[in-house]
Amino acid sequence: MASTSKYRSTALRARDIDRALTATALDTAYADGQLTFGEHRLRTERARTAVTLDELRRLVSDLQLDVDLPEPEAGRSASRPRVLLALGSVVIVAAGLVLFFATREDKVEVAAVAAPVPSPVETVSMPVPDDVTPIVARPFVFDTATGLDDFRNRFIERFGSSQVVSLSLQVDEGSRADVYRLDAEGRVERIMVNGGFEPQKDTSLPEEGQLGFDWNLLDSAVVAGVIAGAPETVGAPQGVVDWVSIDNDEGEQRISVSVSVPDLSGGWVETDFAGNPTHVSPARR
């Protein structure tokens, strides 16, 4: 079973083989029923674009399987700076002694050279026209009803429709999310959210049973309540919600919340759109 104690947080960069191993593990988890269709697709997308090993580990931390991802080499990075610092100190001391004895034998008065005084640089202020309004990016918030309403409204304002295929929210990483919707040709389009909305060029045909839903009919207060109660529901109040996925695959409305727990395997909660629990996987050692 995957454990967060094994998967220590690290900023080490992921390799292509690490992404491939994670994607294979997600396929296995989907095949044995640990992941739903929507969760499998969303996590696989994240695995393909992951930059660090930490991102990959969090995708599999709540699954009942082991993924052979590299561990950071403890002490290696710390010992090298200490050795370099010690060698640097020896060199500095030796150079100081040589200079001391050389100047002691033959003192030569050297006229002080005046340091050049930089001429003052005149700053020029550029007045902002009265009719220009500064643009300030408002961050997204995914764990409150108000924040979720704002997210939905800004999406509808940007794309002109509330019809979506699925949502994937990374609650513990600020403004990161993915929204999947059907484009004008009926293909599934991924909208990457990272401070703004970025439609991706690659699209795909809808999978069998992949149904969309009207985002306006999803109660943000219900979603926020499921997120807030998820750590307690999986039996780990100290846990932190990291992933939330929302879909309507095969006509089954589903809100899935993944909880990361220190020193335990993560748990997850699934509810319908009304917030009624349909599945709970508790956190385990």
C-alpha atoms as a PDB file:
ATOM      1  CA  MET A   1       0.000   0.000   0.000  1.00  0.00           C
ATOM      2  CA  ALA A   2       1.316   3.416  -0.870  1.00  0.00           C
ATOM      3  CA  SER A   3       2.239   5.504   2.147  1.00  0.00           C
ATOM      4  CA  THR A   4       2.980   9.166   2.529  1.00  0.00           C
ATOM      5  CA  SER A   5       5.770   8.292   4.974  1.00  0.00           C
ATOM      6  CA  LYS A   6       7.510   6.521   2.101  1.00  0.00           C
ATOM      7  CA  TYR A   7       6.800   9.326  -0.318  1.00  0.00           C
ATOM      8  CA  ARG A   8       8.586  12.199   1.357  1.00  0.00           C
ATOM      9  CA  SER A   9       8.062  15.628  -0.147  1.00  0.00           C
ATOM     10  CA  THR A  10      10.822  16.599  -2.549  1.00  0.00           C
ATOM     11  CA  ALA A  11      11.370  19.133  -5.267  1.00  0.00           C
ATOM     12  CA  LEU A  12      13.444  16.730  -7.372  1.00  0.00           C
ATOM     13  CA  ARG A  13      12.551  16.870 -11.045  1.00  0.00           C
ATOM     14  CA  ALA A  14      10.606  13.960 -12.498  1.00  0.00           C
ATOM     15  CA  ARG A  15      11.910  11.945 -15.471  1.00  0.00           C
ATOM     16  CA  ASP A  16       9.848  10.577 -18.341  1.00  0.00           C
ATOM     17  CA  ILE A  17      10.204   7.092 -16.868  1.00  0.00           C
ATOM     18  CA  ASP A  18       8.812   8.356 -13.532  1.00  0.00           C
ATOM     19  CA  ARG A  19       5.778   9.776 -15.333  1.00  0.00           C
ATOM     20  CA  ALA A  20       5.337   6.497 -17.211  1.00  0.00           C
ATOM     21  CA  LEU A  21       5.534   4.447 -13.981  1.00  0.00           C
ATOM     22  CA  THR A  22       2.912   6.661 -12.376  1.00  0.00           C
ATOM     23  CA  ALA A  23       0.610   6.419 -15.395  1.00  0.00           C
ATOM     24  CA  THR A  24       0.927   2.611 -15.338  1.00  0.00           C
ATOM     25  CA  ALA A  25       0.058   2.572 -11.627  1.00  0.00           C
ATOM     26  CA  LEU A  26      -3.012   4.702 -12.307  1.00  0.00           C
ATOM     27  CA  ASP A  27      -4.076   2.254 -15.039  1.00  0.00           C
ATOM     28  CA  THR A  28      -3.755  -0.593 -12.527  1.00  0.00           C
ATOM     29  CA  ALA A  29      -5.773   1.313  -9.918  1.00  0.00           C
ATOM     30  CA  TYR A  30      -8.505   1.979 -12.469  1.00  0.00           C
ATOM     31  CA  ALA A  31      -8.554  -1.680 -13.550  1.00  0.00           C
ATOM     32  CA  ASP A  32      -9.070  -2.964  -9.993  1.00  0.00           C
ATOM     33  CA  GLY A  33     -11.721  -0.381  -9.137  1.00  0.00           C
ATOM     34  CA  GLN A  34      -9.760   2.056  -6.972  1.00  0.00           C
ATOM     35  CA  LEU A  35     -10.320   4.933  -9.396  1.00  0.00           C
ATOM     36  CA  THR A  36     -13.389   5.974 -11.318  1.00  0.00           C
ATOM     37  CA  PHE A  37     -13.224   6.699 -15.023  1.00  0.00           C
ATOM     38  CA  GLY A  38     -13.083  10.454 -14.426  1.00  0.00           C
ATOM     39  CA  GLU A  39     -10.479  10.218 -11.664  1.00  0.00           C
ATOM     40  CA  HIS A  40      -8.279   7.983 -13.805  1.00  0.00           C
ATOM     41  CA  ARG A  41      -8.377  10.357 -16.748  1.00  0.00           C
ATOM     42  CA  LEU A  42      -7.721  13.469 -14.661  1.00  0.00           C
ATOM     43  CA  ARG A  43      -4.862  11.966 -12.675  1.00  0.00           C
ATOM     44  CA  THR A  44      -3.284  10.561 -15.824  1.00  0.00           C
ATOM     45  CA  GLU A  45      -3.357  14.046 -17.358  1.00  0.00           C
ATOM     46  CA  ARG A  46      -1.630  15.388 -14.239  1.00  0.00           C
ATOM     47  CA  ALA A  47       0.984  12.631 -14.364  1.00  0.00           C
ATOM     48  CA  ARG A  48       1.879  13.470 -17.962  1.00  0.00           C
ATOM     49  CA  THR A  49       2.462  17.136 -17.117  1.00  0.00           C
ATOM     50  CA  ALA A  50       4.021  16.694 -13.650  1.00  0.00           C
ATOM     51  CA  VAL A  51       7.296  18.534 -13.126  1.00  0.00           C
ATOM     52  CA  THR A  52       8.481  17.146  -9.770  1.00  0.00           C
ATOM     53  CA  LEU A  53       8.474  13.759  -8.052  1.00  0.00           C
ATOM     54  CA  ASP A  54       6.357  15.260  -5.290  1.00  0.00           C
ATOM     55  CA  GLU A  55       3.547  15.916  -7.781  1.00  0.00           C
ATOM     56  CA  LEU A  56       3.686  12.303  -8.977  1.00  0.00           C
ATOM     57  CA  ARG A  57       3.695  10.883  -5.457  1.00  0.00           C
ATOM     58  CA  ARG A  58       0.606  12.812  -4.472  1.00  0.00           C
ATOM     59  CA  LEU A  59      -1.260  11.284  -7.415  1.00  0.00           C
ATOM     60  CA  VAL A  60      -0.784   7.770  -5.995  1.00  0.00           C
ATOM     61  CA  SER A  61      -0.495   8.407  -2.243  1.00  0.00           C
ATOM     62  CA  ASP A  62      -4.076   7.218  -1.549  1.00  0.00           C
ATOM     63  CA  LEU A  63      -3.891   4.054  -3.682  1.00  0.00           C
ATOM     64  CA  GLN A  64      -3.391   0.472  -2.501  1.00  0.00           C
ATOM     65  CA  LEU A  65      -0.258  -0.200  -4.519  1.00  0.00           C
ATOM     66  CA  ASP A  66       3.451   0.603  -4.526  1.00  0.00           C
ATOM     67  CA  VAL A  67       5.072   2.809  -7.136  1.00  0.00           C
ATOM     68  CA  ASP A  68       8.856   2.575  -7.428  1.00  0.00           C
ATOM     69  CA  LEU A  69       9.671   6.280  -7.622  1.00  0.00           C
ATOM     70  CA  PRO A  70      13.181   7.485  -6.676  1.00  0.00           C
ATOM     71  CA  GLU A  71      13.841   8.576  -3.120  1.00  0.00           C
ATOM     72  CA  PRO A  72      15.930  11.710  -2.350  1.00  0.00           C
ATOM     73  CA  GLU A  73      19.502  10.921  -1.259  1.00  0.00           C
ATOM     74  CA  ALA A  74      19.619  12.071   2.349  1.00  0.00           C
ATOM     75  CA  GLY A  75      22.641  14.098   3.330  1.00  0.00           C
ATOM     76  CA  ARG A  76      24.218  14.233  -0.100  1.00  0.00           C
ATOM     77  CA  SER A  77      23.304  17.789  -0.867  1.00  0.00           C
ATOM     78  CA  ALA A  78      24.072  18.932   2.657  1.00  0.00           C
ATOM     79  CA  SER A  79      27.559  17.376   2.938  1.00  0.00           C
ATOM     80  CA  ARG A  80      28.940  18.873  -0.265  1.00  0.00           C
ATOM     81  CA  PRO A  81      28.412  22.527   0.770  1.00  0.00           C
ATOM     82  CA  ARG A  82      30.094  21.814   4.119  1.00  0.00           C
ATOM     83  CA  VAL A  83      33.188  20.366   2.401  1.00  0.00           C
ATOM     84  CA  LEU A  84      33.351  23.255  -0.025  1.00  0.00           C
ATOM     85  CA  LEU A  85      32.982  25.735   2.834  1.00  0.00           C
ATOM     86  CA  ALA A  86      35.826  24.104   4.776  1.00  0.00           C
ATOM     87  CA  LEU A  87      38.142  24.086   1.756  1.00  0.00           C
ATOM     88  CA  GLY A  88      37.258  27.691   1.040  1.00  0.00           C
ATOM     89  CA  SER A  89      38.143  28.679   4.607  1.00  0.00           C
ATOM     90  CA  VAL A  90      41.577  27.007   4.349  1.00  0.00           C
ATOM     91  CA  VAL A  91      42.332  28.794   1.089  1.00  0.00           C
ATOM     92  CA  ILE A  92      41.325  32.162   2.548  1.00  0.00           C
ATOM     93  CA  VAL A  93      43.508  31.686   5.654  1.00  0.00           C
ATOM     94  CA  ALA A  94      46.525  30.623   3.559  1.00  0.00           C
ATOM     95  CA  ALA A  95      46.141  33.587   1.244  1.00  0.00           C
ATOM     96  CA  GLY A  96      45.933  35.925   4.236  1.00  0.00           C
ATOM     97  CA  LEU A  97      49.186  34.585   5.731  1.00  0.00           C
ATOM     98  CA  VAL A  98      51.059  34.959   2.432  1.00  0.00           C
ATOM     99  CA  LEU A  99      49.865  38.528   2.075  1.00  0.00           C
ATOM    100  CA  PHE A 100      50.810  39.356   5.678  1.00  0.00           C
ATOM    101  CA  PHE A 101      54.423  38.157   5.379  1.00  0.00           C
ATOM    102  CA  ALA A 102      54.908  39.717   1.956  1.00  0.00           C
ATOM    103  CA  THR A 103      53.821  43.167   3.102  1.00  0.00           C
ATOM    104  CA  ARG A 104      55.800  42.864   6.332  1.00  0.00           C
ATOM    105  CA  GLU A 105      59.130  42.505   4.471  1.00  0.00           C
ATOM    106  CA  ASP A 106      58.698  45.445   2.172  1.00  0.00           C
ATOM    107  CA  LYS A 107      56.125  48.069   2.983  1.00  0.00           C
ATOM    108  CA  VAL A 108      55.324  50.349   0.139  1.00  0.00           C
ATOM    109  CA  GLU A 109      53.121  53.320   0.553  1.00  0.00           C
ATOM    110  CA  VAL A 110      50.475  53.330  -2.082  1.00  0.00           C
ATOM    111  CA  ALA A 111      48.552  56.440  -2.776  1.00  0.00           C
ATOM    112  CA  ALA A 112      44.904  55.961  -2.134  1.00  0.00           C
ATOM    113  CA  VAL A 113      42.870  55.942  -5.270  1.00  0.00           C
ATOM    114  CA  ALA A 114      39.618  57.743  -4.926  1.00  0.00           C
ATOM    115  CA  ALA A 115      36.679  55.542  -5.776  1.00  0.00           C
ATOM    116  CA  PRO A 116      34.667  56.872  -8.652  1.00  0.00           C
ATOM    117  CA  VAL A 117      31.488  58.557  -7.568  1.00  0.00           C
ATOM    118  CA  PRO A 118      28.587  57.521  -9.753  1.00  0.00           C
ATOM    119  CA  SER A 119      26.692  60.396 -11.223  1.00  0.00           C
ATOM    120  CA  PRO A 120      23.092  60.589 -10.104  1.00  0.00           C
ATOM    121  CA  VAL A 121      20.596  59.107 -12.519  1.00  0.00           C
ATOM    122  CA  GLU A 122      17.582  61.220 -13.109  1.00  0.00           C
ATOM    123  CA  THR A 123      14.362  59.255 -12.763  1.00  0.00           C
ATOM    124  CA  VAL A 124      11.551  60.005 -15.119  1.00  0.00           C
ATOM    125  CA  SER A 125       8.019  59.367 -13.928  1.00  0.00           C
ATOM    126  CA  MET A 126       5.516  58.180 -16.493  1.00  0.00           C
ATOM    127  CA  PRO A 127       2.042  59.378 -15.617  1.00  0.00           C
ATOM    128  CA  VAL A 128      -0.730  56.809 -16.087  1.00  0.00           C
ATOM    129  CA  PRO A 129      -3.629  58.099 -18.194  1.00  0.00           C
ATOM    130  CA  ASP A 130      -6.843  58.603 -16.268  1.00  0.00           C
ATOM    131  CA  ASP A 131      -8.766  56.281 -18.585  1.00  0.00           C
ATOM    132  CA  VAL A 132      -6.471  53.274 -17.956  1.00  0.00           C
ATOM    133  CA  THR A 133      -7.598  50.779 -15.303  1.00  0.00           C
ATOM    134  CA  PRO A 134      -4.794  48.628 -13.811  1.00  0.00           C
ATOM    135  CA  ILE A 135      -5.316  44.880 -14.321  1.00  0.00           C
ATOM    136  CA  VAL A 136      -5.103  42.892 -11.081  1.00  0.00           C
ATOM    137  CA  ALA A 137      -5.416  39.106 -11.345  1.00  0.00           C
ATOM    138  CA  ARG A 138      -7.828  37.810  -8.718  1.00  0.00           C
ATOM    139  CA  PRO A 139      -6.772  34.355  -7.484  1.00  0.00           C
ATOM    140  CA  PHE A 140      -9.175  31.433  -7.576  1.00  0.00           C
ATOM    141  CA  VAL A 141     -10.360  29.821  -4.346  1.00  0.00           C
ATOM    142  CA  PHE A 142     -11.668  26.262  -4.578  1.00  0.00           C
ATOM    143  CA  ASP A 143     -12.603  25.329  -0.998  1.00  0.00           C
ATOM    144  CA  THR A 144     -15.340  27.863  -0.211  1.00  0.00           C
ATOM    145  CA  ALA A 145     -18.807  28.344  -1.682  1.00  0.00           C
ATOM    146  CA  THR A 146     -18.015  31.958  -2.550  1.00  0.00           C
ATOM    147  CA  GLY A 147     -14.763  30.986  -4.253  1.00  0.00           C
ATOM    148  CA  LEU A 148     -16.405  28.183  -6.243  1.00  0.00           C
ATOM    149  CA  ASP A 149     -19.220  30.489  -7.365  1.00  0.00           C
ATOM    150  CA  ASP A 150     -16.639  33.041  -8.497  1.00  0.00           C
ATOM    151  CA  PHE A 151     -14.702  30.343 -10.371  1.00  0.00           C
ATOM    152  CA  ARG A 152     -17.837  29.187 -12.190  1.00  0.00           C
ATOM    153  CA  ASN A 153     -18.983  32.723 -13.036  1.00  0.00           C
ATOM    154  CA  ARG A 154     -15.594  33.679 -14.468  1.00  0.00           C
ATOM    155  CA  PHE A 155     -15.524  30.503 -16.548  1.00  0.00           C
ATOM    156  CA  ILE A 156     -18.994  31.183 -17.966  1.00  0.00           C
ATOM    157  CA  GLU A 157     -18.037  34.795 -18.659  1.00  0.00           C
ATOM    158  CA  ARG A 158     -14.944  33.587 -20.523  1.00  0.00           C
ATOM    159  CA  PHE A 159     -16.517  30.761 -22.561  1.00  0.00           C
ATOM    160  CA  GLY A 160     -20.212  31.672 -22.647  1.00  0.00           C
ATOM    161  CA  SER A 161     -21.576  28.328 -21.432  1.00  0.00           C
ATOM    162  CA  SER A 162     -22.070  26.455 -18.159  1.00  0.00           C
ATOM    163  CA  GLN A 163     -22.016  23.008 -19.827  1.00  0.00           C
ATOM    164  CA  VAL A 164     -18.934  21.025 -18.791  1.00  0.00           C
ATOM    165  CA  VAL A 165     -17.792  17.416 -18.918  1.00  0.00           C
ATOM    166  CA  SER A 166     -15.827  17.340 -15.657  1.00  0.00           C
ATOM    167  CA  LEU A 167     -13.858  19.434 -13.179  1.00  0.00           C
ATOM    168  CA  SER A 168     -10.567  18.677 -11.442  1.00  0.00           C
ATOM    169  CA  LEU A 169      -9.493  21.027  -8.651  1.00  0.00           C
ATOM    170  CA  GLN A 170      -6.135  20.984  -6.863  1.00  0.00           C
ATOM    171  CA  VAL A 171      -7.232  22.538  -3.593  1.00  0.00           C
ATOM    172  CA  ASP A 172      -3.808  22.659  -1.904  1.00  0.00           C
ATOM    173  CA  GLU A 173      -2.028  24.340  -4.819  1.00  0.00           C
ATOM    174  CA  GLY A 174      -3.791  27.680  -5.102  1.00  0.00           C
ATOM    175  CA  SER A 175      -5.223  28.315  -8.533  1.00  0.00           C
ATOM    176  CA  ARG A 176      -4.533  25.051 -10.372  1.00  0.00           C
ATOM    177  CA  ALA A 177      -7.433  23.190 -11.965  1.00  0.00           C
ATOM    178  CA  ASP A 178      -8.673  21.560 -15.156  1.00  0.00           C
ATOM    179  CA  VAL A 179     -12.084  22.002 -16.738  1.00  0.00           C
ATOM    180  CA  TYR A 180     -13.145  19.651 -19.527  1.00  0.00           C
ATOM    181  CA  ARG A 181     -15.889  20.712 -21.917  1.00  0.00           C
ATOM    182  CA  LEU A 182     -17.145  19.937 -25.422  1.00  0.00           C
ATOM    183  CA  ASP A 183     -15.922  22.274 -28.135  1.00  0.00           C
ATOM    184  CA  ALA A 184     -17.899  23.392 -31.196  1.00  0.00           C
ATOM    185  CA  GLU A 185     -17.067  20.110 -32.954  1.00  0.00           C
ATOM    186  CA  GLY A 186     -18.250  17.950 -30.065  1.00  0.00           C
ATOM    187  CA  ARG A 187     -14.740  16.977 -28.976  1.00  0.00           C
ATOM    188  CA  VAL A 188     -13.507  17.079 -25.383  1.00  0.00           C
ATOM    189  CA  GLU A 189     -11.367  20.164 -24.789  1.00  0.00           C
ATOM    190  CA  ARG A 190      -9.181  20.677 -21.732  1.00  0.00           C
ATOM    191  CA  ILE A 191      -9.117  24.147 -20.170  1.00  0.00           C
ATOM    192  CA  MET A 192      -6.063  24.405 -17.934  1.00  0.00           C
ATOM    193  CA  VAL A 193      -6.512  26.812 -15.028  1.00  0.00           C
ATOM    194  CA  ASN A 194      -3.396  28.309 -13.461  1.00  0.00           C
ATOM    195  CA  GLY A 195      -4.284  31.871 -12.546  1.00  0.00           C
ATOM    196  CA  GLY A 196      -6.250  32.147 -15.800  1.00  0.00           C
ATOM    197  CA  PHE A 197      -7.980  29.998 -18.423  1.00  0.00           C
ATOM    198  CA  GLU A 198      -5.722  28.341 -21.019  1.00  0.00           C
ATOM    199  CA  PRO A 199      -7.485  26.177 -23.656  1.00  0.00           C
ATOM    200  CA  GLN A 200      -5.239  23.313 -24.778  1.00  0.00           C
ATOM    201  CA  LYS A 201      -4.781  22.518 -28.457  1.00  0.00           C
ATOM    202  CA  ASP A 202      -5.140  18.740 -28.161  1.00  0.00           C
ATOM    203  CA  THR A 203      -8.738  17.480 -28.052  1.00  0.00           C
ATOM    204  CA  SER A 204     -10.252  13.998 -27.952  1.00  0.00           C
ATOM    205  CA  LEU A 205     -13.470  12.196 -28.747  1.00  0.00           C
ATOM    206  CA  PRO A 206     -15.830  11.704 -25.779  1.00  0.00           C
ATOM    207  CA  GLU A 207     -15.484   8.321 -24.105  1.00  0.00           C
ATOM    208  CA  GLU A 208     -18.461   5.993 -24.015  1.00  0.00           C
ATOM    209  CA  GLY A 209     -20.688   6.940 -21.089  1.00  0.00           C
ATOM    210  CA  GLN A 210     -18.929  10.262 -20.600  1.00  0.00           C
ATOM    211  CA  LEU A 211     -21.782  12.678 -19.966  1.00  0.00           C
ATOM    212  CA  GLY A 212     -21.561  16.332 -19.091  1.00  0.00           C
ATOM    213  CA  PHE A 213     -23.562  18.442 -16.675  1.00  0.00           C
ATOM    214  CA  ASP A 214     -24.774  21.991 -16.215  1.00  0.00           C
ATOM    215  CA  TRP A 215     -22.351  23.666 -13.828  1.00  0.00           C
ATOM    216  CA  ASN A 216     -25.069  26.128 -12.810  1.00  0.00           C
ATOM    217  CA  LEU A 217     -27.036  23.234 -11.276  1.00  0.00           C
ATOM    218  CA  LEU A 218     -24.143  22.228  -9.020  1.00  0.00           C
ATOM    219  CA  ASP A 219     -24.528  23.787  -5.564  1.00  0.00           C
ATOM    220  CA  SER A 220     -21.172  25.302  -4.571  1.00  0.00           C
ATOM    221  CA  ALA A 221     -22.152  25.204  -0.891  1.00  0.00           C
ATOM    222  CA  VAL A 222     -22.584  21.423  -1.124  1.00  0.00           C
ATOM    223  CA  VAL A 223     -19.170  20.994  -2.762  1.00  0.00           C
ATOM    224  CA  ALA A 224     -17.496  23.223  -0.155  1.00  0.00           C
ATOM    225  CA  GLY A 225     -19.197  21.235   2.616  1.00  0.00           C
ATOM    226  CA  VAL A 226     -17.972  17.907   1.236  1.00  0.00           C
ATOM    227  CA  ILE A 227     -14.429  19.319   0.997  1.00  0.00           C
ATOM    228  CA  ALA A 228     -14.510  20.699   4.548  1.00  0.00           C
ATOM    229  CA  GLY A 229     -15.807  17.451   6.040  1.00  0.00           C
ATOM    230  CA  ALA A 230     -13.638  15.031   4.052  1.00  0.00           C
ATOM    231  CA  PRO A 231     -10.701  14.736   6.534  1.00  0.00           C
ATOM    232  CA  GLU A 232     -13.088  13.932   9.389  1.00  0.00           C
ATOM    233  CA  THR A 233     -15.027  11.506   7.191  1.00  0.00           C
ATOM    234  CA  VAL A 234     -11.927   9.430   6.349  1.00  0.00           C
ATOM    235  CA  GLY A 235     -10.998   9.335  10.046  1.00  0.00           C
ATOM    236  CA  ALA A 236      -8.067  11.748   9.864  1.00  0.00           C
ATOM    237  CA  PRO A 237      -9.000  15.267  11.046  1.00  0.00           C
ATOM    238  CA  GLN A 238      -5.350  16.288  10.588  1.00  0.00           C
ATOM    239  CA  GLY A 239      -5.523  15.429   6.896  1.00  0.00           C
ATOM    240  CA  VAL A 240      -5.461  17.952   4.065  1.00  0.00           C
ATOM    241  CA  VAL A 241      -7.677  17.866   0.996  1.00  0.00           C
ATOM    242  CA  ASP A 242      -5.557  17.909  -2.152  1.00  0.00           C
ATOM    243  CA  TRP A 243      -7.714  16.768  -5.084  1.00  0.00           C
ATOM    244  CA  VAL A 244     -11.385  17.231  -5.955  1.00  0.00           C
ATOM    245  CA  SER A 245     -12.942  15.832  -9.129  1.00  0.00           C
ATOM    246  CA  ILE A 246     -16.538  16.332 -10.250  1.00  0.00           C
ATOM    247  CA  ASP A 247     -18.146  14.434 -13.130  1.00  0.00           C
ATOM    248  CA  ASN A 248     -21.302  12.792 -14.420  1.00  0.00           C
ATOM    249  CA  ASP A 249     -19.851   9.689 -16.056  1.00  0.00           C
ATOM    250  CA  GLU A 250     -22.459   7.126 -17.123  1.00  0.00           C
ATOM    251  CA  GLY A 251     -25.147   9.312 -15.600  1.00  0.00           C
ATOM    252  CA  GLU A 252     -23.745   8.908 -12.071  1.00  0.00           C
ATOM    253  CA  GLN A 253     -23.203  12.338 -10.552  1.00  0.00           C
ATOM    254  CA  ARG A 254     -20.048  12.211  -8.468  1.00  0.00           C
ATOM    255  CA  ILE A 255     -18.012  14.519  -6.237  1.00  0.00           C
ATOM    256  CA  SER A 256     -14.707  12.799  -5.330  1.00  0.00           C
ATOM    257  CA  VAL A 257     -12.422  14.272  -2.675  1.00  0.00           C
ATOM    258  CA  SER A 258      -8.902  12.945  -2.008  1.00  0.00           C
ATOM    259  CA  VAL A 259      -7.329  13.520   1.422  1.00  0.00           C
ATOM    260  CA  SER A 260      -3.578  13.473   2.091  1.00  0.00           C
ATOM    261  CA  VAL A 261      -2.572  12.405   5.618  1.00  0.00           C
ATOM    262  CA  PRO A 262       0.978  12.570   7.073  1.00  0.00           C
ATOM    263  CA  ASP A 263       2.366   9.101   7.962  1.00  0.00           C
ATOM    264  CA  LEU A 264      -0.785   7.393   6.629  1.00  0.00           C
ATOM    265  CA  SER A 265      -2.079   6.328   3.261  1.00  0.00           C
ATOM    266  CA  GLY A 266      -4.588   8.897   2.099  1.00  0.00           C
ATOM    267  CA  GLY A 267      -8.328   8.385   1.990  1.00  0.00           C
ATOM    268  CA  TRP A 268     -11.096   9.629  -0.237  1.00  0.00           C
ATOM    269  CA  VAL A 269     -14.787  10.410  -0.153  1.00  0.00           C
ATOM    270  CA  GLU A 270     -17.363  10.170  -2.926  1.00  0.00           C
ATOM    271  CA  THR A 271     -20.805  11.775  -2.840  1.00  0.00           C
ATOM    272  CA  ASP A 272     -23.537  12.612  -5.299  1.00  0.00           C
ATOM    273  CA  PHE A 273     -24.262  16.201  -6.292  1.00  0.00           C
ATOM    274  CA  ALA A 274     -26.538  16.559  -3.264  1.00  0.00           C
ATOM    275  CA  GLY A 275     -23.670  15.679  -0.910  1.00  0.00           C
ATOM    276  CA  ASN A 276     -24.961  12.197   0.011  1.00  0.00           C
ATOM    277  CA  PRO A 277     -21.992   9.832   0.585  1.00  0.00           C
ATOM    278  CA  THR A 278     -21.741   6.949  -1.882  1.00  0.00           C
ATOM    279  CA  HIS A 279     -18.283   5.661  -0.951  1.00  0.00           C
ATOM    280  CA  VAL A 280     -15.708   6.286   1.788  1.00  0.00           C
ATOM    281  CA  SER A 281     -12.158   4.929   1.812  1.00  0.00           C
ATOM    282  CA  PRO A 282     -10.659   5.616   5.266  1.00  0.00           C
ATOM    283  CA  ALA A 283      -7.045   6.614   5.834  1.00  0.00           C
ATOM    284  CA  ARG A 284      -4.876   3.668   6.917  1.00  0.00           C
ATOM    285  CA  ARG A 285      -1.410   2.986   8.220  1.00  0.00           C
END
